[in-house]
Amino acid sequence: MEKKTATMISLGAAYAAGCIPCFDHLYSVAREEKITDDEVNAIIAIAKKVRSGADVVVTKTIDDFLNNREADPAREPAPNTCPCNC
């Protein structure tokens, strides 16, 4: 894959993930790769849709969890399987 394409994909992923340091760095790389502001805006428009869709799913999942938790307050907590080790 050419560097310009990889940078464009990475910019969108950084936006969708909400990673400002990554986006900031990749925006500099985008400038070096001659990616225009119009292209960046198009990338962000797509990433916004992805992020918005993910927010809907996360919100529904958490709402379902909380509603089920209220129905069964004695339920044991799930083991920590989060990769961030929170």
PDB file of N, CA and C in Angstrom:
ATOM      1  N   MET A   1       0.851  -1.170   0.000  1.00  0.00           N
ATOM      2  CA  MET A   1       0.000   0.000   0.000  1.00  0.00           C
ATOM      3  C   MET A   1       0.898   1.233   0.000  1.00  0.00           C
ATOM      4  N   GLU A   2       0.519   2.188  -0.796  1.00  0.00           N
ATOM      5  CA  GLU A   2       1.325   3.409  -0.846  1.00  0.00           C
ATOM      6  C   GLU A   2       1.132   4.233   0.430  1.00  0.00           C
ATOM      7  N   LYS A   3       2.136   5.034   0.737  1.00  0.00           N
ATOM      8  CA  LYS A   3       2.148   5.784   1.997  1.00  0.00           C
ATOM      9  C   LYS A   3       0.972   6.758   2.089  1.00  0.00           C
ATOM     10  N   LYS A   4       0.602   7.403   0.986  1.00  0.00           N
ATOM     11  CA  LYS A   4      -0.504   8.358   1.015  1.00  0.00           C
ATOM     12  C   LYS A   4      -1.798   7.654   1.426  1.00  0.00           C
ATOM     13  N   THR A   5      -2.065   6.503   0.849  1.00  0.00           N
ATOM     14  CA  THR A   5      -3.281   5.757   1.183  1.00  0.00           C
ATOM     15  C   THR A   5      -3.264   5.330   2.642  1.00  0.00           C
ATOM     16  N   ALA A   6      -2.133   4.814   3.101  1.00  0.00           N
ATOM     17  CA  ALA A   6      -2.005   4.394   4.501  1.00  0.00           C
ATOM     18  C   ALA A   6      -2.212   5.578   5.445  1.00  0.00           C
ATOM     19  N   THR A   7      -1.703   6.724   5.080  1.00  0.00           N
ATOM     20  CA  THR A   7      -1.863   7.922   5.910  1.00  0.00           C
ATOM     21  C   THR A   7      -3.320   8.354   5.965  1.00  0.00           C
ATOM     22  N   MET A   8      -3.989   8.288   4.831  1.00  0.00           N
ATOM     23  CA  MET A   8      -5.404   8.663   4.794  1.00  0.00           C
ATOM     24  C   MET A   8      -6.238   7.728   5.680  1.00  0.00           C
ATOM     25  N   ILE A   9      -5.992   6.438   5.581  1.00  0.00           N
ATOM     26  CA  ILE A   9      -6.702   5.468   6.415  1.00  0.00           C
ATOM     27  C   ILE A   9      -6.393   5.728   7.890  1.00  0.00           C
ATOM     28  N   SER A  10      -5.131   5.968   8.188  1.00  0.00           N
ATOM     29  CA  SER A  10      -4.708   6.200   9.569  1.00  0.00           C
ATOM     30  C   SER A  10      -5.328   7.467  10.146  1.00  0.00           C
ATOM     31  N   LEU A  11      -5.443   8.504   9.345  1.00  0.00           N
ATOM     32  CA  LEU A  11      -6.099   9.742   9.809  1.00  0.00           C
ATOM     33  C   LEU A  11      -7.539   9.460  10.221  1.00  0.00           C
ATOM     34  N   GLY A  12      -8.240   8.730   9.388  1.00  0.00           N
ATOM     35  CA  GLY A  12      -9.627   8.387   9.703  1.00  0.00           C
ATOM     36  C   GLY A  12      -9.727   7.542  10.959  1.00  0.00           C
ATOM     37  N   ALA A  13      -8.822   6.590  11.101  1.00  0.00           N
ATOM     38  CA  ALA A  13      -8.818   5.733  12.288  1.00  0.00           C
ATOM     39  C   ALA A  13      -8.505   6.545  13.540  1.00  0.00           C
ATOM     40  N   ALA A  14      -7.552   7.461  13.433  1.00  0.00           N
ATOM     41  CA  ALA A  14      -7.195   8.302  14.584  1.00  0.00           C
ATOM     42  C   ALA A  14      -8.386   9.150  15.014  1.00  0.00           C
ATOM     43  N   TYR A  15      -9.092   9.711  14.049  1.00  0.00           N
ATOM     44  CA  TYR A  15     -10.272  10.504  14.384  1.00  0.00           C
ATOM     45  C   TYR A  15     -11.334   9.623  15.041  1.00  0.00           C
ATOM     46  N   ALA A  16     -11.624   8.480  14.429  1.00  0.00           N
ATOM     47  CA  ALA A  16     -12.661   7.588  14.944  1.00  0.00           C
ATOM     48  C   ALA A  16     -12.317   7.098  16.351  1.00  0.00           C
ATOM     49  N   ALA A  17     -11.033   6.897  16.611  1.00  0.00           N
ATOM     50  CA  ALA A  17     -10.597   6.444  17.940  1.00  0.00           C
ATOM     51  C   ALA A  17     -10.512   7.594  18.941  1.00  0.00           C
ATOM     52  N   GLY A  18     -10.575   8.824  18.451  1.00  0.00           N
ATOM     53  CA  GLY A  18     -10.480   9.979  19.335  1.00  0.00           C
ATOM     54  C   GLY A  18      -9.074  10.209  19.860  1.00  0.00           C
ATOM     55  N   CYS A  19      -8.082   9.818  19.075  1.00  0.00           N
ATOM     56  CA  CYS A  19      -6.691   9.960  19.518  1.00  0.00           C
ATOM     57  C   CYS A  19      -6.081  11.231  18.918  1.00  0.00           C
ATOM     58  N   ILE A  20      -6.092  12.299  19.693  1.00  0.00           N
ATOM     59  CA  ILE A  20      -5.582  13.587  19.219  1.00  0.00           C
ATOM     60  C   ILE A  20      -4.088  13.541  18.912  1.00  0.00           C
ATOM     61  N   PRO A  21      -3.249  12.933  19.769  1.00  0.00           N
ATOM     62  CA  PRO A  21      -1.816  12.885  19.430  1.00  0.00           C
ATOM     63  C   PRO A  21      -1.561  12.166  18.092  1.00  0.00           C
ATOM     64  N   CYS A  22      -2.274  11.060  17.863  1.00  0.00           N
ATOM     65  CA  CYS A  22      -2.112  10.351  16.586  1.00  0.00           C
ATOM     66  C   CYS A  22      -2.566  11.227  15.423  1.00  0.00           C
ATOM     67  N   PHE A  23      -3.739  11.854  15.583  1.00  0.00           N
ATOM     68  CA  PHE A  23      -4.251  12.697  14.506  1.00  0.00           C
ATOM     69  C   PHE A  23      -3.292  13.835  14.212  1.00  0.00           C
ATOM     70  N   ASP A  24      -2.785  14.471  15.244  1.00  0.00           N
ATOM     71  CA  ASP A  24      -1.852  15.586  15.075  1.00  0.00           C
ATOM     72  C   ASP A  24      -0.616  15.146  14.294  1.00  0.00           C
ATOM     73  N   HIS A  25      -0.046  14.024  14.695  1.00  0.00           N
ATOM     74  CA  HIS A  25       1.131  13.501  13.993  1.00  0.00           C
ATOM     75  C   HIS A  25       0.786  13.149  12.548  1.00  0.00           C
ATOM     76  N   LEU A  26      -0.309  12.445  12.358  1.00  0.00           N
ATOM     77  CA  LEU A  26      -0.679  11.999  11.013  1.00  0.00           C
ATOM     78  C   LEU A  26      -1.055  13.165  10.110  1.00  0.00           C
ATOM     79  N   TYR A  27      -1.583  14.231  10.690  1.00  0.00           N
ATOM     80  CA  TYR A  27      -1.885  15.413   9.879  1.00  0.00           C
ATOM     81  C   TYR A  27      -0.594  16.001   9.316  1.00  0.00           C
ATOM     82  N   SER A  28       0.458  15.986  10.113  1.00  0.00           N
ATOM     83  CA  SER A  28       1.768  16.451   9.613  1.00  0.00           C
ATOM     84  C   SER A  28       2.266  15.550   8.485  1.00  0.00           C
ATOM     85  N   VAL A  29       2.095  14.251   8.668  1.00  0.00           N
ATOM     86  CA  VAL A  29       2.488  13.306   7.615  1.00  0.00           C
ATOM     87  C   VAL A  29       1.642  13.546   6.364  1.00  0.00           C
ATOM     88  N   ALA A  30       0.346  13.825   6.568  1.00  0.00           N
ATOM     89  CA  ALA A  30      -0.547  14.092   5.435  1.00  0.00           C
ATOM     90  C   ALA A  30      -0.057  15.287   4.626  1.00  0.00           C
ATOM     91  N   ARG A  31       0.410  16.308   5.308  1.00  0.00           N
ATOM     92  CA  ARG A  31       0.957  17.480   4.616  1.00  0.00           C
ATOM     93  C   ARG A  31       2.161  17.078   3.759  1.00  0.00           C
ATOM     94  N   GLU A  32       3.036  16.250   4.319  1.00  0.00           N
ATOM     95  CA  GLU A  32       4.206  15.773   3.569  1.00  0.00           C
ATOM     96  C   GLU A  32       3.785  14.952   2.356  1.00  0.00           C
ATOM     97  N   GLU A  33       2.686  14.221   2.483  1.00  0.00           N
ATOM     98  CA  GLU A  33       2.197  13.370   1.395  1.00  0.00           C
ATOM     99  C   GLU A  33       1.291  14.125   0.421  1.00  0.00           C
ATOM    100  N   LYS A  34       1.197  15.434   0.606  1.00  0.00           N
ATOM    101  CA  LYS A  34       0.395  16.300  -0.271  1.00  0.00           C
ATOM    102  C   LYS A  34      -1.102  15.957  -0.245  1.00  0.00           C
ATOM    103  N   ILE A  35      -1.580  15.526   0.917  1.00  0.00           N
ATOM    104  CA  ILE A  35      -3.011  15.290   1.088  1.00  0.00           C
ATOM    105  C   ILE A  35      -3.655  16.644   1.340  1.00  0.00           C
ATOM    106  N   THR A  36      -4.648  16.973   0.546  1.00  0.00           N
ATOM    107  CA  THR A  36      -5.262  18.297   0.608  1.00  0.00           C
ATOM    108  C   THR A  36      -6.246  18.409   1.773  1.00  0.00           C
ATOM    109  N   ASP A  37      -6.597  19.662   2.100  1.00  0.00           N
ATOM    110  CA  ASP A  37      -7.614  19.882   3.133  1.00  0.00           C
ATOM    111  C   ASP A  37      -8.949  19.287   2.722  1.00  0.00           C
ATOM    112  N   ASP A  38      -9.281  19.347   1.437  1.00  0.00           N
ATOM    113  CA  ASP A  38     -10.522  18.732   0.960  1.00  0.00           C
ATOM    114  C   ASP A  38     -10.510  17.227   1.206  1.00  0.00           C
ATOM    115  N   GLU A  39      -9.364  16.588   0.968  1.00  0.00           N
ATOM    116  CA  GLU A  39      -9.255  15.151   1.221  1.00  0.00           C
ATOM    117  C   GLU A  39      -9.361  14.849   2.709  1.00  0.00           C
ATOM    118  N   VAL A  40      -8.709  15.665   3.527  1.00  0.00           N
ATOM    119  CA  VAL A  40      -8.783  15.472   4.981  1.00  0.00           C
ATOM    120  C   VAL A  40     -10.234  15.635   5.439  1.00  0.00           C
ATOM    121  N   ASN A  41     -10.922  16.636   4.938  1.00  0.00           N
ATOM    122  CA  ASN A  41     -12.326  16.839   5.312  1.00  0.00           C
ATOM    123  C   ASN A  41     -13.196  15.659   4.899  1.00  0.00           C
ATOM    124  N   ALA A  42     -12.930  15.078   3.734  1.00  0.00           N
ATOM    125  CA  ALA A  42     -13.683  13.902   3.290  1.00  0.00           C
ATOM    126  C   ALA A  42     -13.394  12.700   4.192  1.00  0.00           C
ATOM    127  N   ILE A  43     -12.140  12.538   4.576  1.00  0.00           N
ATOM    128  CA  ILE A  43     -11.746  11.460   5.488  1.00  0.00           C
ATOM    129  C   ILE A  43     -12.470  11.619   6.823  1.00  0.00           C
ATOM    130  N   ILE A  44     -12.486  12.832   7.344  1.00  0.00           N
ATOM    131  CA  ILE A  44     -13.126  13.101   8.635  1.00  0.00           C
ATOM    132  C   ILE A  44     -14.631  12.872   8.556  1.00  0.00           C
ATOM    133  N   ALA A  45     -15.245  13.221   7.439  1.00  0.00           N
ATOM    134  CA  ALA A  45     -16.686  12.996   7.279  1.00  0.00           C
ATOM    135  C   ALA A  45     -17.011  11.505   7.391  1.00  0.00           C
ATOM    136  N   ILE A  46     -16.193  10.671   6.788  1.00  0.00           N
ATOM    137  CA  ILE A  46     -16.392   9.222   6.881  1.00  0.00           C
ATOM    138  C   ILE A  46     -16.138   8.744   8.307  1.00  0.00           C
ATOM    139  N   ALA A  47     -15.051   9.211   8.908  1.00  0.00           N
ATOM    140  CA  ALA A  47     -14.702   8.792  10.270  1.00  0.00           C
ATOM    141  C   ALA A  47     -15.769   9.218  11.280  1.00  0.00           C
ATOM    142  N   LYS A  48     -16.390  10.376  11.060  1.00  0.00           N
ATOM    143  CA  LYS A  48     -17.468  10.829  11.944  1.00  0.00           C
ATOM    144  C   LYS A  48     -18.632   9.846  11.908  1.00  0.00           C
ATOM    145  N   LYS A  49     -18.953   9.340  10.716  1.00  0.00           N
ATOM    146  CA  LYS A  49     -20.043   8.368  10.586  1.00  0.00           C
ATOM    147  C   LYS A  49     -19.691   7.084  11.331  1.00  0.00           C
ATOM    148  N   VAL A  50     -18.453   6.641  11.202  1.00  0.00           N
ATOM    149  CA  VAL A  50     -18.012   5.426  11.896  1.00  0.00           C
ATOM    150  C   VAL A  50     -18.109   5.625  13.399  1.00  0.00           C
ATOM    151  N   ARG A  51     -17.570   6.746  13.870  1.00  0.00           N
ATOM    152  CA  ARG A  51     -17.572   7.021  15.311  1.00  0.00           C
ATOM    153  C   ARG A  51     -18.997   7.165  15.835  1.00  0.00           C
ATOM    154  N   SER A  52     -19.841   7.830  15.090  1.00  0.00           N
ATOM    155  CA  SER A  52     -21.225   8.017  15.495  1.00  0.00           C
ATOM    156  C   SER A  52     -21.936   6.665  15.600  1.00  0.00           C
ATOM    157  N   GLY A  53     -21.714   5.787  14.636  1.00  0.00           N
ATOM    158  CA  GLY A  53     -22.314   4.448  14.679  1.00  0.00           C
ATOM    159  C   GLY A  53     -21.816   3.662  15.876  1.00  0.00           C
ATOM    160  N   ALA A  54     -20.535   3.779  16.165  1.00  0.00           N
ATOM    161  CA  ALA A  54     -19.967   3.074  17.318  1.00  0.00           C
ATOM    162  C   ALA A  54     -20.566   3.608  18.608  1.00  0.00           C
ATOM    163  N   ASP A  55     -20.771   4.919  18.696  1.00  0.00           N
ATOM    164  CA  ASP A  55     -21.361   5.511  19.896  1.00  0.00           C
ATOM    165  C   ASP A  55     -22.769   4.976  20.138  1.00  0.00           C
ATOM    166  N   VAL A  56     -23.535   4.780  19.072  1.00  0.00           N
ATOM    167  CA  VAL A  56     -24.889   4.241  19.201  1.00  0.00           C
ATOM    168  C   VAL A  56     -24.830   2.828  19.784  1.00  0.00           C
ATOM    169  N   VAL A  57     -23.922   2.010  19.268  1.00  0.00           N
ATOM    170  CA  VAL A  57     -23.799   0.628  19.739  1.00  0.00           C
ATOM    171  C   VAL A  57     -23.324   0.591  21.193  1.00  0.00           C
ATOM    172  N   VAL A  58     -22.331   1.410  21.522  1.00  0.00           N
ATOM    173  CA  VAL A  58     -21.819   1.439  22.900  1.00  0.00           C
ATOM    174  C   VAL A  58     -22.916   1.895  23.855  1.00  0.00           C
ATOM    175  N   THR A  59     -23.634   2.924  23.493  1.00  0.00           N
ATOM    176  CA  THR A  59     -24.711   3.429  24.350  1.00  0.00           C
ATOM    177  C   THR A  59     -25.774   2.366  24.576  1.00  0.00           C
ATOM    178  N   LYS A  60     -26.175   1.685  23.521  1.00  0.00           N
ATOM    179  CA  LYS A  60     -27.189   0.634  23.653  1.00  0.00           C
ATOM    180  C   LYS A  60     -26.668  -0.506  24.517  1.00  0.00           C
ATOM    181  N   THR A  61     -25.440  -0.914  24.305  1.00  0.00           N
ATOM    182  CA  THR A  61     -24.859  -2.009  25.077  1.00  0.00           C
ATOM    183  C   THR A  61     -24.798  -1.662  26.560  1.00  0.00           C
ATOM    184  N   ILE A  62     -24.353  -0.446  26.877  1.00  0.00           N
ATOM    185  CA  ILE A  62     -24.263  -0.032  28.278  1.00  0.00           C
ATOM    186  C   ILE A  62     -25.656   0.108  28.883  1.00  0.00           C
ATOM    187  N   ASP A  63     -26.606   0.666  28.136  1.00  0.00           N
ATOM    188  CA  ASP A  63     -27.980   0.761  28.634  1.00  0.00           C
ATOM    189  C   ASP A  63     -28.543  -0.625  28.933  1.00  0.00           C
ATOM    190  N   ASP A  64     -28.325  -1.576  28.014  1.00  0.00           N
ATOM    191  CA  ASP A  64     -28.789  -2.952  28.230  1.00  0.00           C
ATOM    192  C   ASP A  64     -28.130  -3.550  29.469  1.00  0.00           C
ATOM    193  N   PHE A  65     -26.830  -3.319  29.619  1.00  0.00           N
ATOM    194  CA  PHE A  65     -26.108  -3.831  30.788  1.00  0.00           C
ATOM    195  C   PHE A  65     -26.703  -3.277  32.076  1.00  0.00           C
ATOM    196  N   LEU A  66     -26.897  -1.962  32.108  1.00  0.00           N
ATOM    197  CA  LEU A  66     -27.426  -1.332  33.318  1.00  0.00           C
ATOM    198  C   LEU A  66     -28.846  -1.803  33.627  1.00  0.00           C
ATOM    199  N   ASN A  67     -29.653  -1.955  32.594  1.00  0.00           N
ATOM    200  CA  ASN A  67     -31.019  -2.438  32.806  1.00  0.00           C
ATOM    201  C   ASN A  67     -31.018  -3.868  33.322  1.00  0.00           C
ATOM    202  N   ASN A  68     -30.143  -4.710  32.793  1.00  0.00           N
ATOM    203  CA  ASN A  68     -30.056  -6.096  33.261  1.00  0.00           C
ATOM    204  C   ASN A  68     -29.459  -6.151  34.663  1.00  0.00           C
ATOM    205  N   ARG A  69     -28.554  -5.252  34.952  1.00  0.00           N
ATOM    206  CA  ARG A  69     -27.922  -5.187  36.269  1.00  0.00           C
ATOM    207  C   ARG A  69     -28.978  -4.868  37.324  1.00  0.00           C
ATOM    208  N   GLU A  70     -29.873  -3.944  36.991  1.00  0.00           N
ATOM    209  CA  GLU A  70     -30.946  -3.595  37.927  1.00  0.00           C
ATOM    210  C   GLU A  70     -31.888  -4.774  38.149  1.00  0.00           C
ATOM    211  N   ALA A  71     -32.094  -5.576  37.106  1.00  0.00           N
ATOM    212  CA  ALA A  71     -32.976  -6.730  37.219  1.00  0.00           C
ATOM    213  C   ALA A  71     -32.347  -7.826  38.079  1.00  0.00           C
ATOM    214  N   ASP A  72     -31.026  -7.887  38.131  1.00  0.00           N
ATOM    215  CA  ASP A  72     -30.315  -8.923  38.891  1.00  0.00           C
ATOM    216  C   ASP A  72     -29.149  -8.287  39.649  1.00  0.00           C
ATOM    217  N   PRO A  73     -29.429  -7.545  40.725  1.00  0.00           N
ATOM    218  CA  PRO A  73     -28.353  -6.838  41.436  1.00  0.00           C
ATOM    219  C   PRO A  73     -27.326  -7.771  42.077  1.00  0.00           C
ATOM    220  N   ALA A  74     -27.654  -9.043  42.253  1.00  0.00           N
ATOM    221  CA  ALA A  74     -26.712  -9.987  42.866  1.00  0.00           C
ATOM    222  C   ALA A  74     -25.749 -10.577  41.842  1.00  0.00           C
ATOM    223  N   ARG A  75     -25.917 -10.197  40.618  1.00  0.00           N
ATOM    224  CA  ARG A  75     -25.061 -10.729  39.545  1.00  0.00           C
ATOM    225  C   ARG A  75     -23.597 -10.434  39.844  1.00  0.00           C
ATOM    226  N   GLU A  76     -22.761 -11.435  39.652  1.00  0.00           N
ATOM    227  CA  GLU A  76     -21.329 -11.280  39.879  1.00  0.00           C
ATOM    228  C   GLU A  76     -20.730 -10.373  38.803  1.00  0.00           C
ATOM    229  N   PRO A  77     -19.758  -9.537  39.152  1.00  0.00           N
ATOM    230  CA  PRO A  77     -19.114  -8.712  38.133  1.00  0.00           C
ATOM    231  C   PRO A  77     -18.332  -9.596  37.161  1.00  0.00           C
ATOM    232  N   ALA A  78     -18.279  -9.144  35.942  1.00  0.00           N
ATOM    233  CA  ALA A  78     -17.540  -9.878  34.917  1.00  0.00           C
ATOM    234  C   ALA A  78     -16.050  -9.751  35.174  1.00  0.00           C
ATOM    235  N   PRO A  79     -15.270 -10.759  34.784  1.00  0.00           N
ATOM    236  CA  PRO A  79     -13.822 -10.632  34.940  1.00  0.00           C
ATOM    237  C   PRO A  79     -13.276  -9.524  34.031  1.00  0.00           C
ATOM    238  N   ASN A  80     -12.160  -8.936  34.414  1.00  0.00           N
ATOM    239  CA  ASN A  80     -11.570  -7.870  33.621  1.00  0.00           C
ATOM    240  C   ASN A  80     -10.909  -8.468  32.390  1.00  0.00           C
ATOM    241  N   THR A  81     -11.555  -8.275  31.251  1.00  0.00           N
ATOM    242  CA  THR A  81     -10.993  -8.754  29.986  1.00  0.00           C
ATOM    243  C   THR A  81     -10.608  -7.588  29.091  1.00  0.00           C
ATOM    244  N   CYS A  82     -10.617  -6.395  29.646  1.00  0.00           N
ATOM    245  CA  CYS A  82     -10.299  -5.198  28.874  1.00  0.00           C
ATOM    246  C   CYS A  82      -8.809  -5.148  28.574  1.00  0.00           C
ATOM    247  N   PRO A  83      -8.434  -4.934  27.304  1.00  0.00           N
ATOM    248  CA  PRO A  83      -7.017  -4.894  26.963  1.00  0.00           C
ATOM    249  C   PRO A  83      -6.254  -3.716  27.566  1.00  0.00           C
ATOM    250  N   CYS A  84      -6.966  -2.690  28.034  1.00  0.00           N
ATOM    251  CA  CYS A  84      -6.271  -1.546  28.639  1.00  0.00           C
ATOM    252  C   CYS A  84      -6.001  -1.776  30.121  1.00  0.00           C
ATOM    253  N   ASN A  85      -6.434  -2.914  30.646  1.00  0.00           N
ATOM    254  CA  ASN A  85      -6.225  -3.259  32.060  1.00  0.00           C
ATOM    255  C   ASN A  85      -6.761  -2.214  33.016  1.00  0.00           C
ATOM    256  N   CYS A  86      -7.927  -1.653  32.705  1.00  0.00           N
ATOM    257  CA  CYS A  86      -8.517  -0.615  33.564  1.00  0.00           C
ATOM    258  C   CYS A  86      -8.977  -1.158  34.892  1.00  0.00           C
TER     259      CYS A  86
END
